[in-house]
Amino acid sequence: MPTPIETVSAFCATFVEDGGRPAVRRWFTPATRWVNEGVSVTTGADEAIAMIDGLEKSLGISTVHIDMLAIAADGSRVLTERLDRFERADGSEIGRVMIMGIFELEGDKIV
C-alpha cells in the first residue's frame, strides 16, 4: 500500500486530468469531506464533481495544475503547500492561488 504522501502526491499529479474528476473518483470515498474555504464544502465524489462542474460553467475553469511546493505527513494526515493554477480550455490562465491544505487518509483513500 502506498504511503500517505505517495497517495496525496498521486492525487495532486492526477488532478490535471479532466478538471480533477478522475482523481476525485479514484481517491474520494462516499463520505469524503472536501472543504474549499470561502467557496464550498462537499461530501463524497458526486458533490465534489458537481462543484467542479459548477466552477467550469461559471468561471470557465477547465484544468487545474497543482504545483507541490512542500509536503509532510504525520501518520495519516498530510500537509501540503501548493500553487494551484486554474486554466481555461484554450490553456489561458484564469488565476493562481497559494494553498496550505491538510489531507486525511484512511488506507489509500482521502477522507
C-alpha atoms as a PDB file:
ATOM      1  CA  MET A   1       0.000   0.000   0.000  1.00  0.00           C
ATOM      2  CA  PRO A   2       1.312   3.498  -0.804  1.00  0.00           C
ATOM      3  CA  THR A   3       2.313   5.864   1.979  1.00  0.00           C
ATOM      4  CA  PRO A   4       0.027   8.832   2.738  1.00  0.00           C
ATOM      5  CA  ILE A   5       2.482  11.176   0.988  1.00  0.00           C
ATOM      6  CA  GLU A   6       2.538   8.921  -2.091  1.00  0.00           C
ATOM      7  CA  THR A   7      -1.284   8.850  -2.177  1.00  0.00           C
ATOM      8  CA  VAL A   8      -1.656  12.628  -1.893  1.00  0.00           C
ATOM      9  CA  SER A   9       1.128  13.189  -4.428  1.00  0.00           C
ATOM     10  CA  ALA A  10      -0.595  10.856  -6.905  1.00  0.00           C
ATOM     11  CA  PHE A  11      -3.951  12.583  -6.315  1.00  0.00           C
ATOM     12  CA  CYS A  12      -2.449  16.023  -6.938  1.00  0.00           C
ATOM     13  CA  ALA A  13      -0.496  14.864 -10.008  1.00  0.00           C
ATOM     14  CA  THR A  14      -3.642  13.330 -11.499  1.00  0.00           C
ATOM     15  CA  PHE A  15      -5.825  16.386 -10.781  1.00  0.00           C
ATOM     16  CA  VAL A  16      -4.760  17.994 -14.067  1.00  0.00           C
ATOM     17  CA  GLU A  17      -6.813  15.375 -15.968  1.00  0.00           C
ATOM     18  CA  ASP A  18     -10.394  16.374 -16.864  1.00  0.00           C
ATOM     19  CA  GLY A  19     -10.645  19.106 -14.250  1.00  0.00           C
ATOM     20  CA  GLY A  20      -9.803  16.707 -11.424  1.00  0.00           C
ATOM     21  CA  ARG A  21     -12.798  14.420 -11.956  1.00  0.00           C
ATOM     22  CA  PRO A  22     -10.799  11.154 -12.368  1.00  0.00           C
ATOM     23  CA  ALA A  23      -8.737  11.980  -9.252  1.00  0.00           C
ATOM     24  CA  VAL A  24     -11.877  12.623  -7.211  1.00  0.00           C
ATOM     25  CA  ARG A  25     -13.489   9.393  -8.435  1.00  0.00           C
ATOM     26  CA  ARG A  26     -10.323   7.388  -7.652  1.00  0.00           C
ATOM     27  CA  TRP A  27      -9.385   8.727  -4.205  1.00  0.00           C
ATOM     28  CA  PHE A  28     -12.599  10.058  -2.589  1.00  0.00           C
ATOM     29  CA  THR A  29     -15.000   7.925  -0.585  1.00  0.00           C
ATOM     30  CA  PRO A  30     -18.785   8.494  -0.329  1.00  0.00           C
ATOM     31  CA  ALA A  31     -18.063  10.289   2.970  1.00  0.00           C
ATOM     32  CA  THR A  32     -15.044  12.392   1.883  1.00  0.00           C
ATOM     33  CA  ARG A  33     -15.495  15.967   3.058  1.00  0.00           C
ATOM     34  CA  TRP A  34     -13.761  18.498   0.778  1.00  0.00           C
ATOM     35  CA  VAL A  35     -13.557  21.994   2.238  1.00  0.00           C
ATOM     36  CA  ASN A  36     -12.599  24.889  -0.021  1.00  0.00           C
ATOM     37  CA  GLU A  37     -12.652  27.800   2.418  1.00  0.00           C
ATOM     38  CA  GLY A  38     -14.902  30.586   1.206  1.00  0.00           C
ATOM     39  CA  VAL A  39     -16.002  28.582  -1.849  1.00  0.00           C
ATOM     40  CA  SER A  40     -17.673  25.286  -0.938  1.00  0.00           C
ATOM     41  CA  VAL A  41     -17.906  22.223   1.261  1.00  0.00           C
ATOM     42  CA  THR A  42     -18.777  18.929  -0.429  1.00  0.00           C
ATOM     43  CA  THR A  43     -19.344  15.380   0.769  1.00  0.00           C
ATOM     44  CA  GLY A  44     -18.471  12.451  -1.481  1.00  0.00           C
ATOM     45  CA  ALA A  45     -17.301  12.267  -5.072  1.00  0.00           C
ATOM     46  CA  ASP A  46     -20.641  13.206  -6.662  1.00  0.00           C
ATOM     47  CA  GLU A  47     -20.921  16.507  -4.777  1.00  0.00           C
ATOM     48  CA  ALA A  48     -17.241  17.269  -5.422  1.00  0.00           C
ATOM     49  CA  ILE A  49     -17.663  16.685  -9.151  1.00  0.00           C
ATOM     50  CA  ALA A  50     -20.834  18.804  -9.186  1.00  0.00           C
ATOM     51  CA  MET A  51     -18.790  21.621  -7.601  1.00  0.00           C
ATOM     52  CA  ILE A  52     -16.073  21.173 -10.255  1.00  0.00           C
ATOM     53  CA  ASP A  53     -18.769  21.257 -12.962  1.00  0.00           C
ATOM     54  CA  GLY A  54     -20.194  24.452 -11.467  1.00  0.00           C
ATOM     55  CA  LEU A  55     -16.797  26.179 -11.425  1.00  0.00           C
ATOM     56  CA  GLU A  56     -16.187  25.151 -15.004  1.00  0.00           C
ATOM     57  CA  LYS A  57     -19.557  26.570 -16.037  1.00  0.00           C
ATOM     58  CA  SER A  58     -19.395  29.793 -14.025  1.00  0.00           C
ATOM     59  CA  LEU A  59     -15.680  30.650 -14.201  1.00  0.00           C
ATOM     60  CA  GLY A  60     -14.503  28.664 -17.208  1.00  0.00           C
ATOM     61  CA  ILE A  61     -12.062  26.562 -15.169  1.00  0.00           C
ATOM     62  CA  SER A  62     -11.186  23.579 -17.327  1.00  0.00           C
ATOM     63  CA  THR A  63      -7.841  22.497 -15.905  1.00  0.00           C
ATOM     64  CA  VAL A  64      -6.155  22.782 -12.520  1.00  0.00           C
ATOM     65  CA  HIS A  65      -2.399  22.333 -12.308  1.00  0.00           C
ATOM     66  CA  ILE A  66      -1.168  21.631  -8.782  1.00  0.00           C
ATOM     67  CA  ASP A  67       2.465  22.567  -8.188  1.00  0.00           C
ATOM     68  CA  MET A  68       3.590  20.896  -4.948  1.00  0.00           C
ATOM     69  CA  LEU A  69       5.947  23.198  -3.063  1.00  0.00           C
ATOM     70  CA  ALA A  70       6.221  21.206   0.181  1.00  0.00           C
ATOM     71  CA  ILE A  71       4.634  18.078   1.628  1.00  0.00           C
ATOM     72  CA  ALA A  72       4.861  16.423   5.043  1.00  0.00           C
ATOM     73  CA  ALA A  73       2.991  13.702   6.886  1.00  0.00           C
ATOM     74  CA  ASP A  74       2.108  12.940  10.469  1.00  0.00           C
ATOM     75  CA  GLY A  75       0.611   9.473  10.400  1.00  0.00           C
ATOM     76  CA  SER A  76      -2.422   9.551   8.127  1.00  0.00           C
ATOM     77  CA  ARG A  77      -2.521  13.370   7.882  1.00  0.00           C
ATOM     78  CA  VAL A  78      -0.649  15.050   5.037  1.00  0.00           C
ATOM     79  CA  LEU A  79       0.115  18.780   4.952  1.00  0.00           C
ATOM     80  CA  THR A  80       0.700  20.367   1.566  1.00  0.00           C
ATOM     81  CA  GLU A  81       1.926  23.761   0.449  1.00  0.00           C
ATOM     82  CA  ARG A  82       0.835  24.228  -3.155  1.00  0.00           C
ATOM     83  CA  LEU A  83       0.395  26.617  -6.004  1.00  0.00           C
ATOM     84  CA  ASP A  84      -2.884  25.762  -7.757  1.00  0.00           C
ATOM     85  CA  ARG A  85      -3.108  27.212 -11.279  1.00  0.00           C
ATOM     86  CA  PHE A  86      -6.502  27.459 -12.997  1.00  0.00           C
ATOM     87  CA  GLU A  87      -6.800  27.442 -16.795  1.00  0.00           C
ATOM     88  CA  ARG A  88      -9.495  27.718 -19.448  1.00  0.00           C
ATOM     89  CA  ALA A  89      -9.965  25.023 -22.104  1.00  0.00           C
ATOM     90  CA  ASP A  90      -7.762  27.037 -24.503  1.00  0.00           C
ATOM     91  CA  GLY A  91      -4.880  26.922 -21.988  1.00  0.00           C
ATOM     92  CA  SER A  92      -5.062  30.568 -20.951  1.00  0.00           C
ATOM     93  CA  GLU A  93      -4.615  31.171 -17.250  1.00  0.00           C
ATOM     94  CA  ILE A  94      -7.541  32.324 -15.120  1.00  0.00           C
ATOM     95  CA  GLY A  95      -5.560  32.683 -11.921  1.00  0.00           C
ATOM     96  CA  ARG A  96      -3.365  31.021  -9.320  1.00  0.00           C
ATOM     97  CA  VAL A  97      -3.703  30.549  -5.593  1.00  0.00           C
ATOM     98  CA  MET A  98      -1.166  29.652  -2.905  1.00  0.00           C
ATOM     99  CA  ILE A  99      -2.745  26.991  -0.686  1.00  0.00           C
ATOM    100  CA  MET A 100      -1.918  25.169   2.521  1.00  0.00           C
ATOM    101  CA  GLY A 101      -4.039  22.043   2.708  1.00  0.00           C
ATOM    102  CA  ILE A 102      -4.485  19.085   5.009  1.00  0.00           C
ATOM    103  CA  PHE A 103      -5.484  15.712   3.632  1.00  0.00           C
ATOM    104  CA  GLU A 104      -6.651  12.978   5.981  1.00  0.00           C
ATOM    105  CA  LEU A 105      -6.430   9.404   4.760  1.00  0.00           C
ATOM    106  CA  GLU A 106      -7.932   6.061   5.618  1.00  0.00           C
ATOM    107  CA  GLY A 107      -5.871   3.443   3.820  1.00  0.00           C
ATOM    108  CA  ASP A 108      -5.324   4.805   0.324  1.00  0.00           C
ATOM    109  CA  LYS A 109      -8.487   6.956   0.293  1.00  0.00           C
ATOM    110  CA  ILE A 110      -8.812  10.675   1.078  1.00  0.00           C
ATOM    111  CA  VAL A 111     -11.484  11.276   3.680  1.00  0.00           C
END
